[in-house]
């Protein structure tokens, strides 16, 4: 479990006067309401109350127009030359030719949103 903010070792080293938060709508005026709602769920402390990545991927923001690009439409990074570092192998490899529902951690999470046609 992560400590409460007041229990962090450097909590009392710096103090700031109380300022009301700037609404995210003012910081990101062009962002749709669902994007702001999702962002708000990420900006939470303590971390155990923050939205998890798997939950965030199911947020309505990702299922309303404009829809995210299918992974096959995104540029694929090219590996460097022979001196490039080899990164760790992922448990689930990524293939752009496979449907998106096969590329997520648990395909059942997106099953209700997959449009067959």
N, C-alpha and C. Protein backbone atom coordinates (compact mmCIF):
# COMPACT_ATOMS: atom_id res chain seq x y z
N UNK A 1 0.83 -1.18 0.00
CA UNK A 1 0.00 0.00 0.00
C UNK A 1 0.87 1.24 0.00
N UNK A 2 0.44 2.22 -0.75
CA UNK A 2 1.22 3.46 -0.78
C UNK A 2 0.84 4.33 0.41
N UNK A 3 1.80 5.11 0.88
CA UNK A 3 1.53 5.94 2.06
C UNK A 3 0.59 7.08 1.71
N UNK A 4 -0.05 7.61 2.73
CA UNK A 4 -0.83 8.82 2.53
C UNK A 4 0.14 9.95 2.22
N UNK A 5 -0.32 10.97 1.57
CA UNK A 5 0.56 12.05 1.14
C UNK A 5 1.29 12.70 2.31
N UNK A 6 0.63 12.82 3.45
CA UNK A 6 1.27 13.46 4.61
C UNK A 6 2.35 12.58 5.23
N UNK A 7 2.38 11.31 4.88
CA UNK A 7 3.39 10.39 5.42
C UNK A 7 4.64 10.32 4.55
N UNK A 8 4.63 10.96 3.39
CA UNK A 8 5.80 10.92 2.52
C UNK A 8 6.95 11.69 3.18
N UNK A 9 8.19 11.23 3.00
CA UNK A 9 9.32 11.82 3.74
C UNK A 9 9.55 13.31 3.45
N UNK A 10 9.26 13.79 2.27
CA UNK A 10 9.53 15.18 1.93
C UNK A 10 8.28 16.06 2.00
N UNK A 11 7.21 15.56 2.53
CA UNK A 11 5.95 16.30 2.53
C UNK A 11 6.06 17.67 3.19
N UNK A 12 6.73 17.78 4.30
CA UNK A 12 6.79 19.04 5.04
C UNK A 12 7.97 19.94 4.67
N UNK A 13 8.77 19.56 3.69
CA UNK A 13 9.94 20.35 3.33
C UNK A 13 9.58 21.61 2.56
N UNK A 14 8.52 21.57 1.80
CA UNK A 14 8.09 22.73 1.01
C UNK A 14 6.62 22.95 1.30
N UNK A 15 6.26 24.20 1.45
CA UNK A 15 4.84 24.49 1.63
C UNK A 15 4.42 25.55 0.62
N UNK A 16 3.22 25.44 0.19
CA UNK A 16 2.65 26.37 -0.77
C UNK A 16 1.38 26.95 -0.17
N UNK A 17 1.08 28.17 -0.54
CA UNK A 17 -0.19 28.73 -0.07
C UNK A 17 -1.32 28.00 -0.80
N UNK A 18 -2.44 27.93 -0.15
CA UNK A 18 -3.58 27.25 -0.75
C UNK A 18 -4.08 28.05 -1.94
N UNK A 19 -4.22 27.36 -3.04
CA UNK A 19 -4.77 27.95 -4.25
C UNK A 19 -5.88 27.03 -4.75
N UNK A 20 -6.96 27.61 -5.19
CA UNK A 20 -7.99 26.74 -5.75
C UNK A 20 -7.47 26.11 -7.04
N UNK A 21 -7.85 24.87 -7.30
CA UNK A 21 -7.37 24.23 -8.54
C UNK A 21 -7.94 24.92 -9.76
N UNK A 22 -7.17 24.93 -10.82
CA UNK A 22 -7.65 25.45 -12.09
C UNK A 22 -8.46 24.32 -12.74
N UNK A 23 -9.69 24.57 -13.09
CA UNK A 23 -10.50 23.51 -13.71
C UNK A 23 -9.84 23.00 -14.98
N UNK A 24 -9.88 21.69 -15.16
CA UNK A 24 -9.27 21.10 -16.35
C UNK A 24 -9.89 21.65 -17.63
N UNK A 25 -11.15 22.06 -17.56
CA UNK A 25 -11.81 22.64 -18.74
C UNK A 25 -11.09 23.91 -19.20
N UNK A 26 -10.47 24.62 -18.26
CA UNK A 26 -9.72 25.82 -18.62
C UNK A 26 -8.31 25.47 -19.11
N UNK A 27 -7.72 24.44 -18.54
CA UNK A 27 -6.38 24.03 -18.94
C UNK A 27 -6.41 23.40 -20.33
N UNK A 28 -7.45 22.60 -20.59
CA UNK A 28 -7.59 21.89 -21.87
C UNK A 28 -8.95 22.25 -22.48
N UNK A 29 -9.10 23.47 -22.99
CA UNK A 29 -10.42 23.92 -23.44
C UNK A 29 -10.99 23.15 -24.62
N UNK A 30 -10.16 22.50 -25.42
CA UNK A 30 -10.65 21.79 -26.59
C UNK A 30 -10.90 20.30 -26.33
N UNK A 31 -10.62 19.85 -25.13
CA UNK A 31 -10.80 18.43 -24.81
C UNK A 31 -12.28 18.14 -24.57
N UNK A 32 -12.76 17.00 -25.08
CA UNK A 32 -14.16 16.63 -24.84
C UNK A 32 -14.37 16.27 -23.37
N UNK A 33 -15.60 16.37 -22.88
CA UNK A 33 -15.87 16.08 -21.47
C UNK A 33 -15.41 14.68 -21.03
N UNK A 34 -15.57 13.69 -21.89
CA UNK A 34 -15.15 12.34 -21.50
C UNK A 34 -13.64 12.24 -21.34
N UNK A 35 -12.89 12.99 -22.14
CA UNK A 35 -11.43 12.99 -22.00
C UNK A 35 -11.04 13.62 -20.67
N UNK A 36 -11.72 14.70 -20.31
CA UNK A 36 -11.43 15.36 -19.03
C UNK A 36 -11.79 14.45 -17.86
N UNK A 37 -12.89 13.73 -17.99
CA UNK A 37 -13.30 12.81 -16.93
C UNK A 37 -12.25 11.71 -16.75
N UNK A 38 -11.76 11.15 -17.85
CA UNK A 38 -10.74 10.11 -17.76
C UNK A 38 -9.44 10.67 -17.18
N UNK A 39 -9.02 11.84 -17.62
CA UNK A 39 -7.82 12.46 -17.10
C UNK A 39 -7.93 12.69 -15.60
N UNK A 40 -9.09 13.12 -15.15
CA UNK A 40 -9.32 13.33 -13.72
C UNK A 40 -9.13 12.04 -12.94
N UNK A 41 -9.52 10.91 -13.53
CA UNK A 41 -9.37 9.62 -12.85
C UNK A 41 -7.90 9.20 -12.74
N UNK A 42 -7.04 9.73 -13.63
CA UNK A 42 -5.60 9.45 -13.54
C UNK A 42 -4.91 10.34 -12.52
N UNK A 43 -5.44 11.51 -12.27
CA UNK A 43 -4.78 12.48 -11.39
C UNK A 43 -5.29 12.34 -9.96
N UNK A 44 -5.13 11.16 -9.42
CA UNK A 44 -5.65 10.85 -8.09
C UNK A 44 -4.52 10.33 -7.21
N UNK A 45 -4.49 10.82 -5.99
CA UNK A 45 -3.58 10.29 -4.99
C UNK A 45 -4.43 10.00 -3.77
N UNK A 46 -4.31 8.87 -3.16
CA UNK A 46 -3.31 7.81 -3.29
C UNK A 46 -3.54 6.93 -4.51
N UNK A 47 -2.49 6.29 -4.95
CA UNK A 47 -2.52 5.52 -6.18
C UNK A 47 -3.53 4.38 -6.16
N UNK A 48 -3.82 3.84 -5.01
CA UNK A 48 -4.79 2.72 -4.97
C UNK A 48 -6.19 3.17 -5.36
N UNK A 49 -6.43 4.47 -5.34
CA UNK A 49 -7.72 5.01 -5.77
C UNK A 49 -7.71 5.49 -7.22
N UNK A 50 -6.54 5.45 -7.84
CA UNK A 50 -6.39 5.89 -9.22
C UNK A 50 -6.93 4.81 -10.16
N UNK A 51 -7.44 5.22 -11.31
CA UNK A 51 -7.95 4.26 -12.29
C UNK A 51 -6.79 3.38 -12.78
N UNK A 52 -7.05 2.12 -12.92
CA UNK A 52 -6.04 1.18 -13.44
C UNK A 52 -6.06 1.24 -14.97
N UNK A 53 -4.96 0.89 -15.58
CA UNK A 53 -4.85 0.96 -17.05
C UNK A 53 -5.93 0.12 -17.72
N UNK A 54 -6.17 -1.09 -17.22
CA UNK A 54 -7.18 -1.95 -17.84
C UNK A 54 -8.56 -1.33 -17.74
N UNK A 55 -8.85 -0.66 -16.63
CA UNK A 55 -10.14 0.03 -16.48
C UNK A 55 -10.20 1.23 -17.41
N UNK A 56 -9.11 1.96 -17.50
CA UNK A 56 -9.08 3.16 -18.33
C UNK A 56 -9.33 2.82 -19.80
N UNK A 57 -8.82 1.71 -20.25
CA UNK A 57 -9.01 1.32 -21.65
C UNK A 57 -10.47 1.04 -21.98
N UNK A 58 -11.29 0.81 -20.98
CA UNK A 58 -12.71 0.56 -21.19
C UNK A 58 -13.56 1.81 -20.98
N UNK A 59 -12.92 2.94 -20.72
CA UNK A 59 -13.64 4.18 -20.49
C UNK A 59 -14.40 4.58 -21.76
N UNK A 60 -15.59 5.17 -21.63
CA UNK A 60 -16.37 5.58 -22.81
C UNK A 60 -15.62 6.51 -23.76
N UNK A 61 -14.62 7.22 -23.27
CA UNK A 61 -13.83 8.10 -24.14
C UNK A 61 -13.30 7.35 -25.35
N UNK A 62 -12.89 6.11 -25.17
CA UNK A 62 -12.29 5.33 -26.25
C UNK A 62 -13.34 4.70 -27.17
N UNK A 63 -14.61 4.85 -26.86
CA UNK A 63 -15.66 4.21 -27.65
C UNK A 63 -16.66 5.22 -28.22
N UNK A 64 -16.27 6.49 -28.24
CA UNK A 64 -17.12 7.52 -28.83
C UNK A 64 -16.32 8.23 -29.92
N UNK A 65 -17.01 8.71 -30.93
CA UNK A 65 -16.30 9.39 -32.03
C UNK A 65 -15.57 10.63 -31.53
N UNK A 66 -14.42 10.94 -32.09
CA UNK A 66 -13.72 10.15 -33.09
C UNK A 66 -13.07 8.94 -32.43
N UNK A 67 -13.29 7.78 -33.02
CA UNK A 67 -12.75 6.55 -32.45
C UNK A 67 -11.23 6.50 -32.64
N UNK A 68 -10.54 5.82 -31.73
CA UNK A 68 -9.09 5.67 -31.90
C UNK A 68 -8.79 4.91 -33.19
N UNK A 69 -7.65 5.17 -33.75
CA UNK A 69 -7.23 4.45 -34.95
C UNK A 69 -7.00 2.99 -34.62
N UNK A 70 -7.34 2.12 -35.56
CA UNK A 70 -7.01 0.71 -35.40
C UNK A 70 -5.49 0.59 -35.41
N UNK A 71 -4.97 -0.34 -34.64
CA UNK A 71 -3.51 -0.43 -34.52
C UNK A 71 -2.83 -0.68 -35.86
N UNK A 72 -3.53 -1.25 -36.85
CA UNK A 72 -2.92 -1.48 -38.16
C UNK A 72 -2.71 -0.17 -38.93
N UNK A 73 -3.39 0.90 -38.49
CA UNK A 73 -3.26 2.20 -39.15
C UNK A 73 -2.12 3.04 -38.57
N UNK A 74 -1.55 2.61 -37.47
CA UNK A 74 -0.50 3.37 -36.80
C UNK A 74 0.87 3.02 -37.38
N UNK A 75 1.80 3.96 -37.36
CA UNK A 75 3.14 3.64 -37.85
C UNK A 75 3.81 2.62 -36.92
N UNK A 76 4.54 1.73 -37.50
CA UNK A 76 5.25 0.70 -36.73
C UNK A 76 6.70 1.13 -36.59
N UNK A 77 7.18 1.28 -35.35
CA UNK A 77 8.59 1.68 -35.18
C UNK A 77 9.51 0.61 -35.75
N UNK A 78 10.56 1.06 -36.37
CA UNK A 78 11.53 0.13 -36.94
C UNK A 78 12.65 -0.10 -35.93
N UNK A 79 13.09 -1.33 -35.82
CA UNK A 79 14.23 -1.63 -34.95
C UNK A 79 15.48 -1.00 -35.54
N UNK A 80 16.38 -0.61 -34.64
CA UNK A 80 17.63 0.01 -35.09
C UNK A 80 18.54 -1.00 -35.77
N UNK A 81 19.72 -0.55 -36.09
CA UNK A 81 20.70 -1.41 -36.75
C UNK A 81 21.22 -2.50 -35.83
N UNK A 82 22.34 -3.07 -36.18
CA UNK A 82 22.86 -4.20 -35.43
C UNK A 82 23.31 -3.82 -34.02
N UNK A 83 23.54 -2.52 -33.76
CA UNK A 83 23.97 -2.10 -32.43
C UNK A 83 22.80 -1.74 -31.52
N UNK A 84 21.59 -1.88 -32.02
CA UNK A 84 20.42 -1.51 -31.21
C UNK A 84 20.28 -2.49 -30.05
N UNK A 85 19.87 -1.93 -28.90
CA UNK A 85 19.65 -2.77 -27.72
C UNK A 85 18.41 -3.62 -27.93
N UNK A 86 18.48 -4.83 -27.54
CA UNK A 86 17.30 -5.69 -27.59
C UNK A 86 16.53 -5.50 -26.31
N UNK A 87 15.28 -5.08 -26.43
CA UNK A 87 14.44 -4.88 -25.26
C UNK A 87 13.90 -6.20 -24.75
N UNK A 88 13.20 -6.18 -23.63
CA UNK A 88 12.63 -7.41 -23.09
C UNK A 88 11.53 -7.95 -24.00
N UNK A 89 11.41 -9.24 -24.02
CA UNK A 89 10.34 -9.87 -24.78
C UNK A 89 9.03 -9.71 -24.04
N UNK A 90 7.99 -9.35 -24.74
CA UNK A 90 6.69 -9.18 -24.11
C UNK A 90 5.97 -10.51 -24.06
N UNK A 91 5.13 -10.67 -23.03
CA UNK A 91 4.40 -11.92 -22.90
C UNK A 91 3.45 -12.13 -24.07
N UNK A 92 2.91 -11.06 -24.60
CA UNK A 92 1.98 -11.17 -25.71
C UNK A 92 2.51 -10.31 -26.84
N UNK A 93 2.89 -10.91 -27.93
CA UNK A 93 3.46 -10.17 -29.03
C UNK A 93 2.39 -9.35 -29.74
N UNK A 94 2.80 -8.31 -30.40
CA UNK A 94 1.89 -7.38 -31.07
C UNK A 94 1.98 -7.59 -32.56
N UNK A 95 0.87 -7.82 -33.21
CA UNK A 95 0.83 -8.04 -34.66
C UNK A 95 -0.20 -7.12 -35.27
N UNK A 96 0.23 -6.24 -36.18
CA UNK A 96 -0.69 -5.27 -36.75
C UNK A 96 -1.71 -5.92 -37.68
N UNK A 97 -1.43 -7.11 -38.15
CA UNK A 97 -2.39 -7.74 -39.06
C UNK A 97 -3.52 -8.45 -38.33
N UNK A 98 -3.43 -8.57 -37.02
CA UNK A 98 -4.47 -9.22 -36.23
C UNK A 98 -5.53 -8.21 -35.81
N UNK A 99 -6.77 -8.64 -35.62
CA UNK A 99 -7.81 -7.72 -35.14
C UNK A 99 -7.44 -7.17 -33.77
N UNK A 100 -7.91 -5.95 -33.49
CA UNK A 100 -7.57 -5.29 -32.24
C UNK A 100 -8.00 -6.11 -31.03
N UNK A 101 -9.13 -6.82 -31.12
CA UNK A 101 -9.58 -7.58 -29.95
C UNK A 101 -8.64 -8.72 -29.59
N UNK A 102 -7.75 -9.09 -30.50
CA UNK A 102 -6.76 -10.12 -30.19
C UNK A 102 -5.47 -9.52 -29.65
N UNK A 103 -5.37 -8.22 -29.63
CA UNK A 103 -4.14 -7.56 -29.21
C UNK A 103 -4.21 -6.98 -27.81
N UNK A 104 -5.34 -7.10 -27.15
CA UNK A 104 -5.45 -6.57 -25.80
C UNK A 104 -5.19 -7.69 -24.80
N UNK A 105 -4.99 -7.31 -23.55
CA UNK A 105 -4.66 -8.30 -22.52
C UNK A 105 -5.76 -9.34 -22.39
N UNK A 106 -7.01 -8.90 -22.32
CA UNK A 106 -8.13 -9.82 -22.18
C UNK A 106 -9.18 -9.46 -23.22
N UNK A 107 -9.30 -10.23 -24.31
CA UNK A 107 -10.24 -9.92 -25.38
C UNK A 107 -11.68 -9.78 -24.91
N UNK A 108 -12.04 -10.41 -23.81
CA UNK A 108 -13.41 -10.30 -23.32
C UNK A 108 -13.75 -8.88 -22.88
N UNK A 109 -12.73 -8.09 -22.52
CA UNK A 109 -12.97 -6.71 -22.09
C UNK A 109 -13.56 -5.88 -23.21
N UNK A 110 -13.12 -6.12 -24.44
CA UNK A 110 -13.60 -5.31 -25.55
C UNK A 110 -14.68 -5.99 -26.38
N UNK A 111 -14.98 -7.25 -26.08
CA UNK A 111 -15.96 -8.00 -26.86
C UNK A 111 -17.28 -7.25 -27.05
N UNK A 112 -17.84 -6.61 -26.01
CA UNK A 112 -19.11 -5.92 -26.22
C UNK A 112 -19.02 -4.74 -27.20
N UNK A 113 -17.83 -4.26 -27.47
CA UNK A 113 -17.67 -3.08 -28.31
C UNK A 113 -17.22 -3.41 -29.73
N UNK A 114 -16.91 -4.66 -30.02
CA UNK A 114 -16.42 -5.05 -31.32
C UNK A 114 -17.58 -5.09 -32.30
N UNK A 115 -17.43 -4.35 -33.40
CA UNK A 115 -18.45 -4.33 -34.43
C UNK A 115 -18.02 -5.29 -35.54
N UNK A 116 -18.83 -6.29 -35.77
CA UNK A 116 -18.55 -7.27 -36.82
C UNK A 116 -19.27 -6.83 -38.09
N UNK A 117 -18.63 -6.99 -39.20
CA UNK A 117 -19.34 -6.56 -40.40
C UNK A 117 -18.72 -6.97 -41.63
